[in-house]
All heavy atoms as atom14 arrays in JSON, in Angstrom:
{
  "sequence": "CFIGWEGESCDQCIRNPGCINGYCHEPWQCICNGDWTGKDCNI",
  "atom14_mask": [
    [1, 1, 1, 1, 1, 1, 0, 0, 0, 0, 0, 0, 0, 0],
    [1, 1, 1, 1, 1, 1, 1, 1, 1, 1, 1, 0, 0, 0],
    [1, 1, 1, 1, 1, 1, 1, 1, 0, 0, 0, 0, 0, 0],
    [1, 1, 1, 1, 0, 0, 0, 0, 0, 0, 0, 0, 0, 0],
    [1, 1, 1, 1, 1, 1, 1, 1, 1, 1, 1, 1, 1, 1],
    [1, 1, 1, 1, 1, 1, 1, 1, 1, 0, 0, 0, 0, 0],
    [1, 1, 1, 1, 0, 0, 0, 0, 0, 0, 0, 0, 0, 0],
    [1, 1, 1, 1, 1, 1, 1, 1, 1, 0, 0, 0, 0, 0],
    [1, 1, 1, 1, 1, 1, 0, 0, 0, 0, 0, 0, 0, 0],
    [1, 1, 1, 1, 1, 1, 0, 0, 0, 0, 0, 0, 0, 0],
    [1, 1, 1, 1, 1, 1, 1, 1, 0, 0, 0, 0, 0, 0],
    [1, 1, 1, 1, 1, 1, 1, 1, 1, 0, 0, 0, 0, 0],
    [1, 1, 1, 1, 1, 1, 0, 0, 0, 0, 0, 0, 0, 0],
    [1, 1, 1, 1, 1, 1, 1, 1, 0, 0, 0, 0, 0, 0],
    [1, 1, 1, 1, 1, 1, 1, 1, 1, 1, 1, 0, 0, 0],
    [1, 1, 1, 1, 1, 1, 1, 1, 0, 0, 0, 0, 0, 0],
    [1, 1, 1, 1, 1, 1, 1, 0, 0, 0, 0, 0, 0, 0],
    [1, 1, 1, 1, 0, 0, 0, 0, 0, 0, 0, 0, 0, 0],
    [1, 1, 1, 1, 1, 1, 0, 0, 0, 0, 0, 0, 0, 0],
    [1, 1, 1, 1, 1, 1, 1, 1, 0, 0, 0, 0, 0, 0],
    [1, 1, 1, 1, 1, 1, 1, 1, 0, 0, 0, 0, 0, 0],
    [1, 1, 1, 1, 0, 0, 0, 0, 0, 0, 0, 0, 0, 0],
    [1, 1, 1, 1, 1, 1, 1, 1, 1, 1, 1, 1, 0, 0],
    [1, 1, 1, 1, 1, 1, 0, 0, 0, 0, 0, 0, 0, 0],
    [1, 1, 1, 1, 1, 1, 1, 1, 1, 1, 0, 0, 0, 0],
    [1, 1, 1, 1, 1, 1, 1, 1, 1, 0, 0, 0, 0, 0],
    [1, 1, 1, 1, 1, 1, 1, 0, 0, 0, 0, 0, 0, 0],
    [1, 1, 1, 1, 1, 1, 1, 1, 1, 1, 1, 1, 1, 1],
    [1, 1, 1, 1, 1, 1, 1, 1, 1, 0, 0, 0, 0, 0],
    [1, 1, 1, 1, 1, 1, 0, 0, 0, 0, 0, 0, 0, 0],
    [1, 1, 1, 1, 1, 1, 1, 1, 0, 0, 0, 0, 0, 0],
    [1, 1, 1, 1, 1, 1, 0, 0, 0, 0, 0, 0, 0, 0],
    [1, 1, 1, 1, 1, 1, 1, 1, 0, 0, 0, 0, 0, 0],
    [1, 1, 1, 1, 0, 0, 0, 0, 0, 0, 0, 0, 0, 0],
    [1, 1, 1, 1, 1, 1, 1, 1, 0, 0, 0, 0, 0, 0],
    [1, 1, 1, 1, 1, 1, 1, 1, 1, 1, 1, 1, 1, 1],
    [1, 1, 1, 1, 1, 1, 1, 0, 0, 0, 0, 0, 0, 0],
    [1, 1, 1, 1, 0, 0, 0, 0, 0, 0, 0, 0, 0, 0],
    [1, 1, 1, 1, 1, 1, 1, 1, 1, 0, 0, 0, 0, 0],
    [1, 1, 1, 1, 1, 1, 1, 1, 0, 0, 0, 0, 0, 0],
    [1, 1, 1, 1, 1, 1, 0, 0, 0, 0, 0, 0, 0, 0],
    [1, 1, 1, 1, 1, 1, 1, 1, 0, 0, 0, 0, 0, 0],
    [1, 1, 1, 1, 1, 1, 1, 1, 0, 0, 0, 0, 0, 0]
  ],
  "atom14_positions": [
    [[-45.21, -12.56, 104.22], [-46.65, -12.75, 104.25], [-47.19, -13.7, 105.18], [-46.57, -14.65, 105.55], [-47.03, -13.2, 102.79], [-46.52, -12.12, 101.47], [0.0, 0.0, 0.0], [0.0, 0.0, 0.0], [0.0, 0.0, 0.0], [0.0, 0.0, 0.0], [0.0, 0.0, 0.0], [0.0, 0.0, 0.0], [0.0, 0.0, 0.0], [0.0, 0.0, 0.0]],
    [[-48.46, -13.37, 105.76], [-49.08, -14.26, 106.56], [-49.57, -15.49, 105.69], [-49.61, -15.41, 104.46], [-50.47, -13.68, 107.21], [-50.08, -12.56, 108.15], [-50.76, -11.37, 108.11], [-49.15, -12.72, 109.05], [-50.52, -10.32, 108.96], [-48.85, -11.72, 110.02], [-49.55, -10.55, 109.94], [0.0, 0.0, 0.0], [0.0, 0.0, 0.0], [0.0, 0.0, 0.0]],
    [[-49.87, -16.57, 106.48], [-50.33, -17.8, 105.73], [-51.56, -17.54, 104.87], [-52.5, -16.93, 105.32], [-50.64, -19.01, 106.73], [-49.31, -19.33, 107.51], [-51.26, -20.19, 106.05], [-49.49, -20.39, 108.56], [0.0, 0.0, 0.0], [0.0, 0.0, 0.0], [0.0, 0.0, 0.0], [0.0, 0.0, 0.0], [0.0, 0.0, 0.0], [0.0, 0.0, 0.0]],
    [[-51.46, -17.88, 103.62], [-52.58, -17.64, 102.67], [-52.48, -16.58, 101.81], [-53.21, -16.27, 100.89], [0.0, 0.0, 0.0], [0.0, 0.0, 0.0], [0.0, 0.0, 0.0], [0.0, 0.0, 0.0], [0.0, 0.0, 0.0], [0.0, 0.0, 0.0], [0.0, 0.0, 0.0], [0.0, 0.0, 0.0], [0.0, 0.0, 0.0], [0.0, 0.0, 0.0]],
    [[-51.32, -15.83, 101.94], [-50.98, -14.6, 101.09], [-49.6, -14.72, 100.52], [-48.68, -15.32, 101.17], [-51.23, -13.31, 101.86], [-52.63, -13.12, 102.36], [-53.14, -13.5, 103.59], [-53.66, -12.52, 101.61], [-54.46, -13.15, 103.68], [-54.88, -12.58, 102.42], [-53.8, -12.06, 100.29], [-56.06, -12.16, 102.01], [-55.04, -11.53, 99.93], [-56.18, -11.56, 100.73]],
    [[-49.39, -14.15, 99.27], [-48.19, -14.17, 98.65], [-48.02, -12.87, 97.87], [-48.91, -11.99, 97.75], [-48.02, -15.36, 97.83], [-49.0, -15.44, 96.69], [-48.84, -16.75, 95.85], [-47.94, -17.46, 96.17], [-49.7, -17.02, 94.93], [0.0, 0.0, 0.0], [0.0, 0.0, 0.0], [0.0, 0.0, 0.0], [0.0, 0.0, 0.0], [0.0, 0.0, 0.0]],
    [[-46.91, -12.81, 97.22], [-46.64, -11.55, 96.35], [-45.63, -10.64, 96.92], [-45.4, -10.68, 98.18], [0.0, 0.0, 0.0], [0.0, 0.0, 0.0], [0.0, 0.0, 0.0], [0.0, 0.0, 0.0], [0.0, 0.0, 0.0], [0.0, 0.0, 0.0], [0.0, 0.0, 0.0], [0.0, 0.0, 0.0], [0.0, 0.0, 0.0], [0.0, 0.0, 0.0]],
    [[-45.1, -9.75, 96.13], [-44.15, -8.78, 96.64], [-44.69, -7.96, 97.75], [-44.03, -7.55, 98.67], [-43.8, -7.86, 95.49], [-42.75, -6.79, 95.75], [-42.46, -5.87, 94.58], [-42.74, -6.33, 93.47], [-42.03, -4.88, 94.75], [0.0, 0.0, 0.0], [0.0, 0.0, 0.0], [0.0, 0.0, 0.0], [0.0, 0.0, 0.0], [0.0, 0.0, 0.0]],
    [[-46.03, -7.6, 97.71], [-46.65, -6.74, 98.72], [-47.63, -7.54, 99.57], [-48.4, -6.99, 100.3], [-47.36, -5.58, 98.07], [-46.53, -4.82, 97.24], [0.0, 0.0, 0.0], [0.0, 0.0, 0.0], [0.0, 0.0, 0.0], [0.0, 0.0, 0.0], [0.0, 0.0, 0.0], [0.0, 0.0, 0.0], [0.0, 0.0, 0.0], [0.0, 0.0, 0.0]],
    [[-47.58, -8.83, 99.5], [-48.49, -9.79, 100.26], [-50.03, -9.34, 99.94], [-50.82, -9.37, 100.9], [-48.26, -9.59, 101.74], [-46.7, -10.22, 102.19], [0.0, 0.0, 0.0], [0.0, 0.0, 0.0], [0.0, 0.0, 0.0], [0.0, 0.0, 0.0], [0.0, 0.0, 0.0], [0.0, 0.0, 0.0], [0.0, 0.0, 0.0], [0.0, 0.0, 0.0]],
    [[-50.34, -9.02, 98.73], [-51.63, -8.7, 98.33], [-52.33, -9.66, 97.41], [-53.36, -9.42, 96.82], [-51.66, -7.26, 97.68], [-50.77, -7.23, 96.54], [-49.96, -8.15, 96.25], [-50.62, -6.1, 95.82], [0.0, 0.0, 0.0], [0.0, 0.0, 0.0], [0.0, 0.0, 0.0], [0.0, 0.0, 0.0], [0.0, 0.0, 0.0], [0.0, 0.0, 0.0]],
    [[-51.61, -10.91, 97.17], [-52.14, -11.83, 96.36], [-52.7, -13.11, 97.23], [-51.75, -13.65, 97.93], [-51.16, -12.27, 95.31], [-50.74, -11.13, 94.38], [-49.67, -11.5, 93.44], [-49.44, -12.72, 93.38], [-48.95, -10.59, 92.91], [0.0, 0.0, 0.0], [0.0, 0.0, 0.0], [0.0, 0.0, 0.0], [0.0, 0.0, 0.0], [0.0, 0.0, 0.0]],
    [[-53.89, -13.56, 97.24], [-54.31, -14.64, 97.95], [-53.75, -15.89, 97.29], [-53.5, -16.03, 96.1], [-55.76, -14.68, 98.07], [-56.67, -14.77, 96.43], [0.0, 0.0, 0.0], [0.0, 0.0, 0.0], [0.0, 0.0, 0.0], [0.0, 0.0, 0.0], [0.0, 0.0, 0.0], [0.0, 0.0, 0.0], [0.0, 0.0, 0.0], [0.0, 0.0, 0.0]],
    [[-53.53, -16.99, 98.12], [-53.18, -18.25, 97.57], [-54.34, -19.15, 97.44], [-55.15, -19.39, 98.29], [-52.19, -18.98, 98.68], [-50.9, -18.0, 98.86], [-51.78, -20.39, 98.22], [-49.96, -18.62, 99.77], [0.0, 0.0, 0.0], [0.0, 0.0, 0.0], [0.0, 0.0, 0.0], [0.0, 0.0, 0.0], [0.0, 0.0, 0.0], [0.0, 0.0, 0.0]],
    [[-54.48, -19.72, 96.13], [-55.62, -20.55, 95.89], [-55.55, -21.9, 96.71], [-54.57, -22.21, 97.26], [-55.67, -20.83, 94.39], [-55.85, -19.59, 93.58], [-55.84, -19.93, 92.05], [-54.49, -20.57, 91.77], [-54.3, -21.05, 90.49], [-55.22, -21.06, 89.65], [-53.12, -21.67, 90.3], [0.0, 0.0, 0.0], [0.0, 0.0, 0.0], [0.0, 0.0, 0.0]],
    [[-56.69, -22.58, 96.77], [-56.76, -23.89, 97.37], [-55.73, -24.77, 96.58], [-55.72, -24.81, 95.37], [-58.17, -24.42, 97.24], [-58.35, -25.73, 98.03], [-57.96, -25.75, 99.17], [-58.87, -26.77, 97.24], [0.0, 0.0, 0.0], [0.0, 0.0, 0.0], [0.0, 0.0, 0.0], [0.0, 0.0, 0.0], [0.0, 0.0, 0.0], [0.0, 0.0, 0.0]],
    [[-54.99, -25.55, 97.33], [-54.04, -26.48, 96.7], [-54.69, -27.39, 95.71], [-55.69, -27.99, 95.94], [-53.43, -27.27, 97.76], [-53.54, -26.37, 98.97], [-54.87, -25.65, 98.81], [0.0, 0.0, 0.0], [0.0, 0.0, 0.0], [0.0, 0.0, 0.0], [0.0, 0.0, 0.0], [0.0, 0.0, 0.0], [0.0, 0.0, 0.0], [0.0, 0.0, 0.0]],
    [[-54.16, -27.39, 94.46], [-54.77, -28.28, 93.43], [-55.7, -27.54, 92.5], [-56.1, -28.02, 91.47], [0.0, 0.0, 0.0], [0.0, 0.0, 0.0], [0.0, 0.0, 0.0], [0.0, 0.0, 0.0], [0.0, 0.0, 0.0], [0.0, 0.0, 0.0], [0.0, 0.0, 0.0], [0.0, 0.0, 0.0], [0.0, 0.0, 0.0], [0.0, 0.0, 0.0]],
    [[-56.01, -26.27, 92.84], [-56.83, -25.43, 91.92], [-56.0, -25.1, 90.68], [-54.94, -24.51, 90.72], [-57.27, -24.18, 92.71], [-58.37, -23.04, 91.73], [0.0, 0.0, 0.0], [0.0, 0.0, 0.0], [0.0, 0.0, 0.0], [0.0, 0.0, 0.0], [0.0, 0.0, 0.0], [0.0, 0.0, 0.0], [0.0, 0.0, 0.0], [0.0, 0.0, 0.0]],
    [[-56.62, -25.54, 89.59], [-55.84, -25.37, 88.21], [-56.41, -24.26, 87.5], [-55.57, -23.47, 87.12], [-56.07, -26.74, 87.49], [-55.48, -27.96, 88.31], [-55.38, -26.73, 86.14], [-55.78, -29.3, 87.62], [0.0, 0.0, 0.0], [0.0, 0.0, 0.0], [0.0, 0.0, 0.0], [0.0, 0.0, 0.0], [0.0, 0.0, 0.0], [0.0, 0.0, 0.0]],
    [[-57.65, -24.19, 87.2], [-58.09, -23.13, 86.23], [-59.04, -22.32, 87.05], [-60.24, -22.05, 86.66], [-58.83, -23.82, 85.09], [-57.9, -24.67, 84.29], [-57.03, -24.11, 83.65], [-58.2, -25.93, 84.19], [0.0, 0.0, 0.0], [0.0, 0.0, 0.0], [0.0, 0.0, 0.0], [0.0, 0.0, 0.0], [0.0, 0.0, 0.0], [0.0, 0.0, 0.0]],
    [[-58.64, -21.75, 88.18], [-59.45, -20.89, 88.98], [-58.69, -19.76, 89.65], [-57.54, -19.67, 89.43], [0.0, 0.0, 0.0], [0.0, 0.0, 0.0], [0.0, 0.0, 0.0], [0.0, 0.0, 0.0], [0.0, 0.0, 0.0], [0.0, 0.0, 0.0], [0.0, 0.0, 0.0], [0.0, 0.0, 0.0], [0.0, 0.0, 0.0], [0.0, 0.0, 0.0]],
    [[-59.32, -19.01, 90.43], [-58.72, -17.76, 91.07], [-59.38, -17.71, 92.48], [-60.22, -18.46, 92.83], [-58.89, -16.48, 90.29], [-60.41, -16.17, 90.02], [-61.03, -15.39, 90.82], [-61.08, -16.79, 88.8], [-62.46, -15.11, 90.53], [-62.37, -16.44, 88.7], [-63.11, -15.58, 89.52], [-64.32, -15.34, 89.23], [0.0, 0.0, 0.0], [0.0, 0.0, 0.0]],
    [[-58.91, -16.69, 93.15], [-59.47, -16.51, 94.54], [-59.53, -15.07, 94.88], [-58.87, -14.18, 94.29], [-58.57, -17.24, 95.54], [-56.83, -16.52, 95.67], [0.0, 0.0, 0.0], [0.0, 0.0, 0.0], [0.0, 0.0, 0.0], [0.0, 0.0, 0.0], [0.0, 0.0, 0.0], [0.0, 0.0, 0.0], [0.0, 0.0, 0.0], [0.0, 0.0, 0.0]],
    [[-60.31, -14.79, 95.88], [-60.51, -13.35, 96.55], [-59.92, -13.45, 97.96], [-59.46, -12.39, 98.42], [-61.88, -12.9, 96.53], [-62.44, -12.59, 95.13], [-61.85, -11.82, 94.26], [-63.63, -12.99, 94.54], [-62.61, -11.71, 93.11], [-63.58, -12.44, 93.28], [0.0, 0.0, 0.0], [0.0, 0.0, 0.0], [0.0, 0.0, 0.0], [0.0, 0.0, 0.0]],
    [[-60.15, -14.67, 98.61], [-59.53, -14.89, 99.89], [-58.78, -16.09, 99.83], [-58.93, -16.98, 98.99], [-60.72, -14.98, 100.92], [-61.53, -13.77, 101.11], [-60.8, -12.64, 101.69], [-59.86, -12.89, 102.47], [-61.17, -11.45, 101.52], [0.0, 0.0, 0.0], [0.0, 0.0, 0.0], [0.0, 0.0, 0.0], [0.0, 0.0, 0.0], [0.0, 0.0, 0.0]],
    [[-57.84, -16.44, 100.8], [-57.03, -17.57, 100.78], [-57.85, -18.82, 100.73], [-58.89, -18.95, 101.29], [-56.16, -17.46, 102.11], [-56.14, -16.0, 102.41], [-57.48, -15.48, 101.94], [0.0, 0.0, 0.0], [0.0, 0.0, 0.0], [0.0, 0.0, 0.0], [0.0, 0.0, 0.0], [0.0, 0.0, 0.0], [0.0, 0.0, 0.0], [0.0, 0.0, 0.0]],
    [[-57.35, -19.81, 100.05], [-57.8, -21.16, 99.85], [-59.12, -21.28, 99.07], [-59.65, -22.16, 99.09], [-57.97, -21.81, 101.25], [-56.85, -21.51, 102.17], [-57.04, -21.07, 103.49], [-55.49, -21.65, 101.97], [-55.75, -20.81, 104.01], [-54.83, -21.17, 103.16], [-54.66, -22.18, 101.0], [-53.39, -21.2, 103.25], [-53.3, -22.12, 100.97], [-52.76, -21.7, 102.18]],
    [[-59.47, -20.2, 98.38], [-60.68, -20.34, 97.55], [-60.19, -20.97, 96.12], [-59.0, -20.9, 95.79], [-61.26, -18.94, 97.21], [-62.07, -18.34, 98.42], [-62.55, -16.97, 98.14], [-62.19, -16.21, 97.3], [-63.63, -16.61, 98.87], [0.0, 0.0, 0.0], [0.0, 0.0, 0.0], [0.0, 0.0, 0.0], [0.0, 0.0, 0.0], [0.0, 0.0, 0.0]],
    [[-61.17, -21.46, 95.48], [-60.96, -21.87, 94.11], [-62.21, -21.55, 93.25], [-63.18, -22.4, 93.26], [-60.6, -23.41, 93.93], [-60.15, -23.98, 92.34], [0.0, 0.0, 0.0], [0.0, 0.0, 0.0], [0.0, 0.0, 0.0], [0.0, 0.0, 0.0], [0.0, 0.0, 0.0], [0.0, 0.0, 0.0], [0.0, 0.0, 0.0], [0.0, 0.0, 0.0]],
    [[-62.24, -20.38, 92.68], [-63.37, -19.91, 91.85], [-63.02, -20.13, 90.45], [-62.1, -19.61, 89.87], [-63.6, -18.37, 92.21], [-63.85, -18.08, 93.61], [-64.81, -17.91, 91.27], [-63.83, -16.67, 94.05], [0.0, 0.0, 0.0], [0.0, 0.0, 0.0], [0.0, 0.0, 0.0], [0.0, 0.0, 0.0], [0.0, 0.0, 0.0], [0.0, 0.0, 0.0]],
    [[-63.82, -21.0, 89.73], [-63.57, -21.48, 88.38], [-63.63, -20.4, 87.35], [-64.57, -19.58, 87.44], [-64.43, -22.7, 88.08], [-64.14, -24.14, 89.14], [0.0, 0.0, 0.0], [0.0, 0.0, 0.0], [0.0, 0.0, 0.0], [0.0, 0.0, 0.0], [0.0, 0.0, 0.0], [0.0, 0.0, 0.0], [0.0, 0.0, 0.0], [0.0, 0.0, 0.0]],
    [[-62.78, -20.44, 86.31], [-62.81, -19.55, 85.28], [-63.85, -20.21, 84.18], [-64.16, -21.36, 84.3], [-61.44, -19.51, 84.51], [-60.43, -18.89, 85.35], [-60.75, -17.85, 86.1], [-59.16, -19.3, 85.27], [0.0, 0.0, 0.0], [0.0, 0.0, 0.0], [0.0, 0.0, 0.0], [0.0, 0.0, 0.0], [0.0, 0.0, 0.0], [0.0, 0.0, 0.0]],
    [[-64.29, -19.34, 83.34], [-65.29, -19.7, 82.27], [-65.76, -21.06, 82.14], [-66.71, -21.52, 82.76], [0.0, 0.0, 0.0], [0.0, 0.0, 0.0], [0.0, 0.0, 0.0], [0.0, 0.0, 0.0], [0.0, 0.0, 0.0], [0.0, 0.0, 0.0], [0.0, 0.0, 0.0], [0.0, 0.0, 0.0], [0.0, 0.0, 0.0], [0.0, 0.0, 0.0]],
    [[-65.09, -21.91, 81.31], [-65.63, -23.31, 80.93], [-65.15, -24.44, 81.84], [-65.0, -25.55, 81.42], [-65.25, -23.54, 79.52], [-65.99, -22.6, 78.45], [-67.02, -22.01, 78.86], [-65.35, -22.34, 77.4], [0.0, 0.0, 0.0], [0.0, 0.0, 0.0], [0.0, 0.0, 0.0], [0.0, 0.0, 0.0], [0.0, 0.0, 0.0], [0.0, 0.0, 0.0]],
    [[-64.76, -24.01, 83.03], [-64.26, -25.1, 83.95], [-65.12, -25.28, 85.23], [-65.82, -24.44, 85.56], [-62.87, -24.76, 84.39], [-61.84, -24.63, 83.26], [-61.5, -23.52, 82.6], [-61.09, -25.64, 82.83], [-60.65, -23.86, 81.65], [-60.33, -25.17, 81.69], [-60.92, -27.04, 83.12], [-59.42, -25.97, 81.0], [-60.1, -27.82, 82.35], [-59.3, -27.33, 81.24]],
    [[-65.11, -26.49, 85.7], [-65.95, -26.78, 86.85], [-65.18, -27.93, 87.72], [-63.98, -28.27, 87.45], [-67.26, -27.42, 86.42], [-68.16, -27.53, 87.62], [-67.06, -28.79, 85.76], [0.0, 0.0, 0.0], [0.0, 0.0, 0.0], [0.0, 0.0, 0.0], [0.0, 0.0, 0.0], [0.0, 0.0, 0.0], [0.0, 0.0, 0.0], [0.0, 0.0, 0.0]],
    [[-65.83, -28.41, 88.73], [-65.12, -29.22, 89.67], [-64.56, -28.51, 90.83], [-64.38, -27.33, 90.9], [0.0, 0.0, 0.0], [0.0, 0.0, 0.0], [0.0, 0.0, 0.0], [0.0, 0.0, 0.0], [0.0, 0.0, 0.0], [0.0, 0.0, 0.0], [0.0, 0.0, 0.0], [0.0, 0.0, 0.0], [0.0, 0.0, 0.0], [0.0, 0.0, 0.0]],
    [[-64.17, -29.42, 91.9], [-63.69, -28.86, 93.15], [-62.36, -28.1, 92.78], [-62.15, -27.01, 93.51], [-63.42, -30.03, 94.05], [-62.74, -29.52, 95.39], [-62.37, -30.72, 96.31], [-61.73, -30.22, 97.62], [-61.35, -31.37, 98.52], [0.0, 0.0, 0.0], [0.0, 0.0, 0.0], [0.0, 0.0, 0.0], [0.0, 0.0, 0.0], [0.0, 0.0, 0.0]],
    [[-61.58, -28.57, 91.99], [-60.28, -27.93, 91.67], [-60.32, -27.21, 90.22], [-59.2, -26.96, 89.72], [-59.12, -28.99, 91.67], [-58.97, -29.54, 92.98], [-59.08, -28.83, 94.07], [-58.68, -30.85, 93.19], [0.0, 0.0, 0.0], [0.0, 0.0, 0.0], [0.0, 0.0, 0.0], [0.0, 0.0, 0.0], [0.0, 0.0, 0.0], [0.0, 0.0, 0.0]],
    [[-61.49, -26.96, 89.72], [-61.57, -26.32, 88.42], [-60.8, -27.09, 87.39], [-60.1, -26.32, 86.54], [-61.17, -24.85, 88.54], [-62.19, -23.87, 89.73], [0.0, 0.0, 0.0], [0.0, 0.0, 0.0], [0.0, 0.0, 0.0], [0.0, 0.0, 0.0], [0.0, 0.0, 0.0], [0.0, 0.0, 0.0], [0.0, 0.0, 0.0], [0.0, 0.0, 0.0]],
    [[-60.77, -28.32, 87.39], [-59.99, -29.18, 86.44], [-60.84, -29.91, 85.48], [-60.27, -30.6, 84.65], [-59.04, -30.13, 87.17], [-59.83, -31.16, 88.1], [-60.89, -30.79, 88.44], [-59.26, -32.28, 88.36], [0.0, 0.0, 0.0], [0.0, 0.0, 0.0], [0.0, 0.0, 0.0], [0.0, 0.0, 0.0], [0.0, 0.0, 0.0], [0.0, 0.0, 0.0]],
    [[-62.11, -29.78, 85.54], [-62.93, -30.36, 84.52], [-63.42, -29.41, 83.49], [-64.12, -28.4, 83.86], [-64.21, -31.03, 85.34], [-63.82, -31.81, 86.52], [-65.23, -31.67, 84.43], [-63.08, -32.99, 86.07], [0.0, 0.0, 0.0], [0.0, 0.0, 0.0], [0.0, 0.0, 0.0], [0.0, 0.0, 0.0], [0.0, 0.0, 0.0], [0.0, 0.0, 0.0]]
  ]
}
């Protein structure tokens, strides 16, 4: 995989380091789930 991607088929983006309760669409994003907030979705 290129930097920022992972998975068996390199189709999974890598979240921003430290992102706990979030997800991404592009590398290094941290989009928070439901009841979480903060830069790393840890609040």
